[in-house]
Amino acid sequence: MIDRIACPHCSRVFALEQALDDMDGRKFFELFIKLPPTVMRPYLLYIGLFRPKKQVLKWRKILVLTEEIAPMILKAQVTRNRIDYRIPPEQWAATMTELVTNPPKTLELPLKGHGYLLSILANQAEKHAAMQEEKVEQQKRNRGAIGADEGLKPIVKTLYEPKTTPKPTENETVRKPPDNWRKATNV
């Protein structure tokens, strides 16, 4: 079994495990550069929440964490309890930043997985959806007061709108009423 290899550039001998770590680092950066720019810095800060005390995160762990979450960030979507939630990159960035700068006192570090972040994002999306639904319901209830062009016309406007009669076309002849038509109706 090979446990040591030589660098092709400088001929320095190092452990095979170090070379594998280096490959994981390269794979991580290949994934990382595909992330939206607004998410990059917050993501690096967020990954720090997985670092055990007095230790350094290994490339392998960073790569595995990134492989789990990068597809969700790129799709701008989180699936929790078989429900898909749309999460824009700005919301990913804001939530990661908030989690790093103001972690809840109940949060146990180092994190083991992305479950806590995903549950926060899903809850935010549910609240946003509930607010949107409430807006739609409010508009349905108030459709008469929305405006002149939408919903029911206000009754005052209907009563006091000037009535217009269509003008006759060239082919139509305008017939005059008989001269004594008013006298006949007043009898």
C-alpha atoms as a PDB file:
ATOM      1  CA  MET A   1       0.000   0.000   0.000  1.00  0.00           C
ATOM      2  CA  ILE A   2       1.236   3.490  -0.886  1.00  0.00           C
ATOM      3  CA  ASP A   3       1.209   5.840   2.100  1.00  0.00           C
ATOM      4  CA  ARG A   4       3.610   8.512   0.804  1.00  0.00           C
ATOM      5  CA  ILE A   5       3.870  10.267  -2.537  1.00  0.00           C
ATOM      6  CA  ALA A   6       6.143  12.920  -4.043  1.00  0.00           C
ATOM      7  CA  CYS A   7       5.013  16.315  -5.310  1.00  0.00           C
ATOM      8  CA  PRO A   8       5.352  16.444  -9.117  1.00  0.00           C
ATOM      9  CA  HIS A   9       6.632  20.041  -8.945  1.00  0.00           C
ATOM     10  CA  CYS A  10       9.086  20.153  -6.035  1.00  0.00           C
ATOM     11  CA  SER A  11       9.639  16.432  -5.295  1.00  0.00           C
ATOM     12  CA  ARG A  12       8.720  16.949  -1.640  1.00  0.00           C
ATOM     13  CA  VAL A  13       7.369  13.777  -0.018  1.00  0.00           C
ATOM     14  CA  PHE A  14       4.041  13.954   1.807  1.00  0.00           C
ATOM     15  CA  ALA A  15       1.310  11.652   3.036  1.00  0.00           C
ATOM     16  CA  LEU A  16      -1.337  10.381   0.630  1.00  0.00           C
ATOM     17  CA  GLU A  17      -4.004  11.664   3.031  1.00  0.00           C
ATOM     18  CA  GLN A  18      -2.745  15.231   2.474  1.00  0.00           C
ATOM     19  CA  ALA A  19      -3.160  14.823  -1.290  1.00  0.00           C
ATOM     20  CA  LEU A  20      -6.745  13.633  -0.812  1.00  0.00           C
ATOM     21  CA  ASP A  21      -7.432  16.617   1.424  1.00  0.00           C
ATOM     22  CA  ASP A  22      -6.098  18.877  -1.310  1.00  0.00           C
ATOM     23  CA  MET A  23      -8.434  17.256  -3.887  1.00  0.00           C
ATOM     24  CA  ASP A  24     -11.400  17.817  -1.552  1.00  0.00           C
ATOM     25  CA  GLY A  25     -10.383  21.461  -1.256  1.00  0.00           C
ATOM     26  CA  ARG A  26     -10.365  21.825  -5.035  1.00  0.00           C
ATOM     27  CA  LYS A  27     -13.775  20.171  -5.341  1.00  0.00           C
ATOM     28  CA  PHE A  28     -15.122  22.481  -2.650  1.00  0.00           C
ATOM     29  CA  PHE A  29     -13.956  25.569  -4.530  1.00  0.00           C
ATOM     30  CA  GLU A  30     -15.458  24.229  -7.771  1.00  0.00           C
ATOM     31  CA  LEU A  31     -18.827  24.098  -6.000  1.00  0.00           C
ATOM     32  CA  PHE A  32     -18.284  27.310  -4.078  1.00  0.00           C
ATOM     33  CA  ILE A  33     -17.674  29.499  -7.144  1.00  0.00           C
ATOM     34  CA  LYS A  34     -21.038  28.397  -8.573  1.00  0.00           C
ATOM     35  CA  LEU A  35     -22.906  29.898  -5.603  1.00  0.00           C
ATOM     36  CA  PRO A  36     -24.552  33.313  -6.035  1.00  0.00           C
ATOM     37  CA  PRO A  37     -22.120  36.086  -5.020  1.00  0.00           C
ATOM     38  CA  THR A  38     -24.481  37.355  -2.306  1.00  0.00           C
ATOM     39  CA  VAL A  39     -24.272  33.968  -0.561  1.00  0.00           C
ATOM     40  CA  MET A  40     -20.503  33.374  -0.741  1.00  0.00           C
ATOM     41  CA  ARG A  41     -19.277  35.336   2.289  1.00  0.00           C
ATOM     42  CA  PRO A  42     -22.206  34.388   4.568  1.00  0.00           C
ATOM     43  CA  TYR A  43     -21.709  30.743   3.597  1.00  0.00           C
ATOM     44  CA  LEU A  44     -18.038  30.785   4.615  1.00  0.00           C
ATOM     45  CA  LEU A  45     -19.036  32.297   7.973  1.00  0.00           C
ATOM     46  CA  TYR A  46     -21.828  29.737   8.361  1.00  0.00           C
ATOM     47  CA  ILE A  47     -19.454  26.815   7.697  1.00  0.00           C
ATOM     48  CA  GLY A  48     -17.469  28.022  10.723  1.00  0.00           C
ATOM     49  CA  LEU A  49     -20.383  26.906  12.923  1.00  0.00           C
ATOM     50  CA  PHE A  50     -19.405  23.297  12.134  1.00  0.00           C
ATOM     51  CA  ARG A  51     -15.828  23.670  13.419  1.00  0.00           C
ATOM     52  CA  PRO A  52     -15.115  21.783  16.630  1.00  0.00           C
ATOM     53  CA  LYS A  53     -13.430  23.806  19.392  1.00  0.00           C
ATOM     54  CA  LYS A  54      -9.640  23.822  19.207  1.00  0.00           C
ATOM     55  CA  GLN A  55      -9.668  22.065  15.819  1.00  0.00           C
ATOM     56  CA  VAL A  56      -9.620  22.965  12.165  1.00  0.00           C
ATOM     57  CA  LEU A  57     -12.334  21.886   9.749  1.00  0.00           C
ATOM     58  CA  LYS A  58     -11.012  19.378   7.260  1.00  0.00           C
ATOM     59  CA  TRP A  59     -11.584  19.828   3.554  1.00  0.00           C
ATOM     60  CA  ARG A  60     -13.536  16.576   3.429  1.00  0.00           C
ATOM     61  CA  LYS A  61     -16.093  17.845   5.988  1.00  0.00           C
ATOM     62  CA  ILE A  62     -16.389  21.226   4.223  1.00  0.00           C
ATOM     63  CA  LEU A  63     -16.887  19.464   0.884  1.00  0.00           C
ATOM     64  CA  VAL A  64     -19.587  17.128   2.232  1.00  0.00           C
ATOM     65  CA  LEU A  65     -21.470  20.051   3.846  1.00  0.00           C
ATOM     66  CA  THR A  66     -21.239  22.072   0.644  1.00  0.00           C
ATOM     67  CA  GLU A  67     -22.392  19.158  -1.527  1.00  0.00           C
ATOM     68  CA  GLU A  68     -25.481  18.858   0.690  1.00  0.00           C
ATOM     69  CA  ILE A  69     -26.545  22.494   0.610  1.00  0.00           C
ATOM     70  CA  ALA A  70     -25.181  23.965  -2.662  1.00  0.00           C
ATOM     71  CA  PRO A  71     -27.901  22.374  -4.862  1.00  0.00           C
ATOM     72  CA  MET A  72     -30.602  23.897  -2.639  1.00  0.00           C
ATOM     73  CA  ILE A  73     -28.988  27.336  -2.782  1.00  0.00           C
ATOM     74  CA  LEU A  74     -28.588  27.125  -6.562  1.00  0.00           C
ATOM     75  CA  LYS A  75     -32.228  26.041  -7.027  1.00  0.00           C
ATOM     76  CA  ALA A  76     -33.302  28.755  -4.544  1.00  0.00           C
ATOM     77  CA  GLN A  77     -35.467  26.118  -2.914  1.00  0.00           C
ATOM     78  CA  VAL A  78     -35.746  24.172   0.338  1.00  0.00           C
ATOM     79  CA  THR A  79     -37.808  21.017   0.785  1.00  0.00           C
ATOM     80  CA  ARG A  80     -39.058  20.327   4.314  1.00  0.00           C
ATOM     81  CA  ASN A  81     -41.757  17.788   5.178  1.00  0.00           C
ATOM     82  CA  ARG A  82     -42.329  17.151   1.456  1.00  0.00           C
ATOM     83  CA  ILE A  83     -43.134  20.837   0.865  1.00  0.00           C
ATOM     84  CA  ASP A  84     -40.983  22.952  -1.465  1.00  0.00           C
ATOM     85  CA  TYR A  85     -40.281  26.513  -0.359  1.00  0.00           C
ATOM     86  CA  ARG A  86     -38.822  29.174  -2.642  1.00  0.00           C
ATOM     87  CA  ILE A  87     -35.836  30.802  -0.925  1.00  0.00           C
ATOM     88  CA  PRO A  88     -34.052  33.577  -2.872  1.00  0.00           C
ATOM     89  CA  PRO A  89     -30.262  33.929  -2.483  1.00  0.00           C
ATOM     90  CA  GLU A  90     -30.660  37.135  -0.468  1.00  0.00           C
ATOM     91  CA  GLN A  91     -32.724  35.273   2.114  1.00  0.00           C
ATOM     92  CA  TRP A  92     -30.130  32.479   2.311  1.00  0.00           C
ATOM     93  CA  ALA A  93     -27.430  35.103   2.906  1.00  0.00           C
ATOM     94  CA  ALA A  94     -29.432  37.052   5.496  1.00  0.00           C
ATOM     95  CA  THR A  95     -30.395  33.927   7.453  1.00  0.00           C
ATOM     96  CA  MET A  96     -26.837  32.555   7.482  1.00  0.00           C
ATOM     97  CA  THR A  97     -25.468  35.916   8.587  1.00  0.00           C
ATOM     98  CA  GLU A  98     -28.082  36.220  11.334  1.00  0.00           C
ATOM     99  CA  LEU A  99     -27.332  32.700  12.545  1.00  0.00           C
ATOM    100  CA  VAL A 100     -23.601  33.457  12.740  1.00  0.00           C
ATOM    101  CA  THR A 101     -23.846  36.931  14.291  1.00  0.00           C
ATOM    102  CA  ASN A 102     -26.709  36.186  16.726  1.00  0.00           C
ATOM    103  CA  PRO A 103     -26.821  32.450  17.398  1.00  0.00           C
ATOM    104  CA  PRO A 104     -29.626  31.384  19.751  1.00  0.00           C
ATOM    105  CA  LYS A 105     -28.457  30.437  23.239  1.00  0.00           C
ATOM    106  CA  THR A 106     -30.038  27.001  22.792  1.00  0.00           C
ATOM    107  CA  LEU A 107     -27.975  26.268  19.656  1.00  0.00           C
ATOM    108  CA  GLU A 108     -25.404  23.547  20.324  1.00  0.00           C
ATOM    109  CA  LEU A 109     -22.120  24.101  18.528  1.00  0.00           C
ATOM    110  CA  PRO A 110     -20.531  22.656  16.516  1.00  0.00           C
ATOM    111  CA  LEU A 111     -23.472  22.009  14.222  1.00  0.00           C
ATOM    112  CA  LYS A 112     -23.886  18.445  12.955  1.00  0.00           C
ATOM    113  CA  GLY A 113     -25.914  19.212   9.825  1.00  0.00           C
ATOM    114  CA  HIS A 114     -27.956  21.844   7.992  1.00  0.00           C
ATOM    115  CA  GLY A 115     -31.276  20.955   9.655  1.00  0.00           C
ATOM    116  CA  TYR A 116     -31.399  24.029  11.896  1.00  0.00           C
ATOM    117  CA  LEU A 117     -30.758  26.451   9.009  1.00  0.00           C
ATOM    118  CA  LEU A 118     -33.261  24.677   6.759  1.00  0.00           C
ATOM    119  CA  SER A 119     -35.968  24.757   9.428  1.00  0.00           C
ATOM    120  CA  ILE A 120     -35.438  28.512   9.926  1.00  0.00           C
ATOM    121  CA  LEU A 121     -35.703  29.105   6.176  1.00  0.00           C
ATOM    122  CA  ALA A 122     -38.836  26.918   5.892  1.00  0.00           C
ATOM    123  CA  ASN A 123     -40.483  28.776   8.793  1.00  0.00           C
ATOM    124  CA  GLN A 124     -39.674  32.128   7.194  1.00  0.00           C
ATOM    125  CA  ALA A 125     -41.139  30.931   3.885  1.00  0.00           C
ATOM    126  CA  GLU A 126     -44.308  29.697   5.616  1.00  0.00           C
ATOM    127  CA  LYS A 127     -44.754  33.062   7.346  1.00  0.00           C
ATOM    128  CA  HIS A 128     -44.236  34.876   4.044  1.00  0.00           C
ATOM    129  CA  ALA A 129     -46.771  32.605   2.306  1.00  0.00           C
ATOM    130  CA  ALA A 130     -49.285  33.185   5.117  1.00  0.00           C
ATOM    131  CA  MET A 131     -48.876  36.960   4.766  1.00  0.00           C
ATOM    132  CA  GLN A 132     -49.365  36.746   0.995  1.00  0.00           C
ATOM    133  CA  GLU A 133     -52.484  34.623   1.447  1.00  0.00           C
ATOM    134  CA  GLU A 134     -53.838  37.123   3.981  1.00  0.00           C
ATOM    135  CA  LYS A 135     -53.284  39.942   1.462  1.00  0.00           C
ATOM    136  CA  VAL A 136     -55.222  38.035  -1.209  1.00  0.00           C
ATOM    137  CA  GLU A 137     -58.075  37.325   1.218  1.00  0.00           C
ATOM    138  CA  GLN A 138     -58.147  40.976   2.298  1.00  0.00           C
ATOM    139  CA  GLN A 139     -58.363  42.066  -1.336  1.00  0.00           C
ATOM    140  CA  LYS A 140     -61.240  39.646  -1.924  1.00  0.00           C
ATOM    141  CA  ARG A 141     -63.109  41.049   1.084  1.00  0.00           C
ATOM    142  CA  ASN A 142     -62.523  44.649   0.014  1.00  0.00           C
ATOM    143  CA  ARG A 143     -62.870  44.292  -3.721  1.00  0.00           C
ATOM    144  CA  GLY A 144     -65.498  47.062  -3.906  1.00  0.00           C
ATOM    145  CA  ALA A 145     -63.130  49.528  -2.303  1.00  0.00           C
ATOM    146  CA  ILE A 146     -60.092  48.608  -4.376  1.00  0.00           C
ATOM    147  CA  GLY A 147     -60.616  51.207  -7.077  1.00  0.00           C
ATOM    148  CA  ALA A 148     -62.731  52.363  -9.959  1.00  0.00           C
ATOM    149  CA  ASP A 149     -61.281  49.869 -12.426  1.00  0.00           C
ATOM    150  CA  GLU A 150     -61.271  46.819 -10.162  1.00  0.00           C
ATOM    151  CA  GLY A 151     -63.955  44.995  -8.235  1.00  0.00           C
ATOM    152  CA  LEU A 152     -67.468  46.386  -7.879  1.00  0.00           C
ATOM    153  CA  LYS A 153     -68.100  49.989  -8.860  1.00  0.00           C
ATOM    154  CA  PRO A 154     -69.010  52.217  -5.951  1.00  0.00           C
ATOM    155  CA  ILE A 155     -72.758  52.926  -6.022  1.00  0.00           C
ATOM    156  CA  VAL A 156     -72.347  56.707  -5.817  1.00  0.00           C
ATOM    157  CA  LYS A 157     -70.253  56.729  -8.959  1.00  0.00           C
ATOM    158  CA  THR A 158     -72.823  54.607 -10.760  1.00  0.00           C
ATOM    159  CA  LEU A 159     -75.709  56.892  -9.784  1.00  0.00           C
ATOM    160  CA  TYR A 160     -74.025  60.128 -10.779  1.00  0.00           C
ATOM    161  CA  GLU A 161     -72.234  59.029 -13.954  1.00  0.00           C
ATOM    162  CA  PRO A 162     -73.457  60.979 -16.955  1.00  0.00           C
ATOM    163  CA  LYS A 163     -75.366  58.764 -19.317  1.00  0.00           C
ATOM    164  CA  THR A 164     -74.178  58.788 -22.889  1.00  0.00           C
ATOM    165  CA  THR A 165     -76.197  57.655 -25.830  1.00  0.00           C
ATOM    166  CA  PRO A 166     -74.447  56.216 -28.832  1.00  0.00           C
ATOM    167  CA  LYS A 167     -74.388  58.375 -31.947  1.00  0.00           C
ATOM    168  CA  PRO A 168     -76.131  56.908 -34.971  1.00  0.00           C
ATOM    169  CA  THR A 169     -74.033  55.616 -37.810  1.00  0.00           C
ATOM    170  CA  GLU A 170     -74.339  56.875 -41.378  1.00  0.00           C
ATOM    171  CA  ASN A 171     -76.790  54.127 -42.373  1.00  0.00           C
ATOM    172  CA  GLU A 172     -79.114  54.795 -39.429  1.00  0.00           C
ATOM    173  CA  THR A 173     -81.640  57.628 -39.651  1.00  0.00           C
ATOM    174  CA  VAL A 174     -82.584  59.580 -36.607  1.00  0.00           C
ATOM    175  CA  ARG A 175     -86.311  59.637 -36.119  1.00  0.00           C
ATOM    176  CA  LYS A 176     -87.906  62.516 -34.336  1.00  0.00           C
ATOM    177  CA  PRO A 177     -90.742  61.941 -31.920  1.00  0.00           C
ATOM    178  CA  PRO A 178     -94.125  63.399 -32.882  1.00  0.00           C
ATOM    179  CA  ASP A 179     -94.661  67.086 -32.014  1.00  0.00           C
ATOM    180  CA  ASN A 180     -97.329  66.478 -29.397  1.00  0.00           C
ATOM    181  CA  TRP A 181     -95.713  63.537 -27.644  1.00  0.00           C
ATOM    182  CA  ARG A 182     -95.308  65.398 -24.331  1.00  0.00           C
ATOM    183  CA  LYS A 183     -98.925  66.506 -24.194  1.00  0.00           C
ATOM    184  CA  ALA A 184    -100.168  62.961 -24.750  1.00  0.00           C
ATOM    185  CA  THR A 185     -98.200  61.587 -21.761  1.00  0.00           C
ATOM    186  CA  ASN A 186     -99.270  64.311 -19.316  1.00  0.00           C
ATOM    187  CA  VAL A 187    -103.050  63.688 -19.631  1.00  0.00           C
END
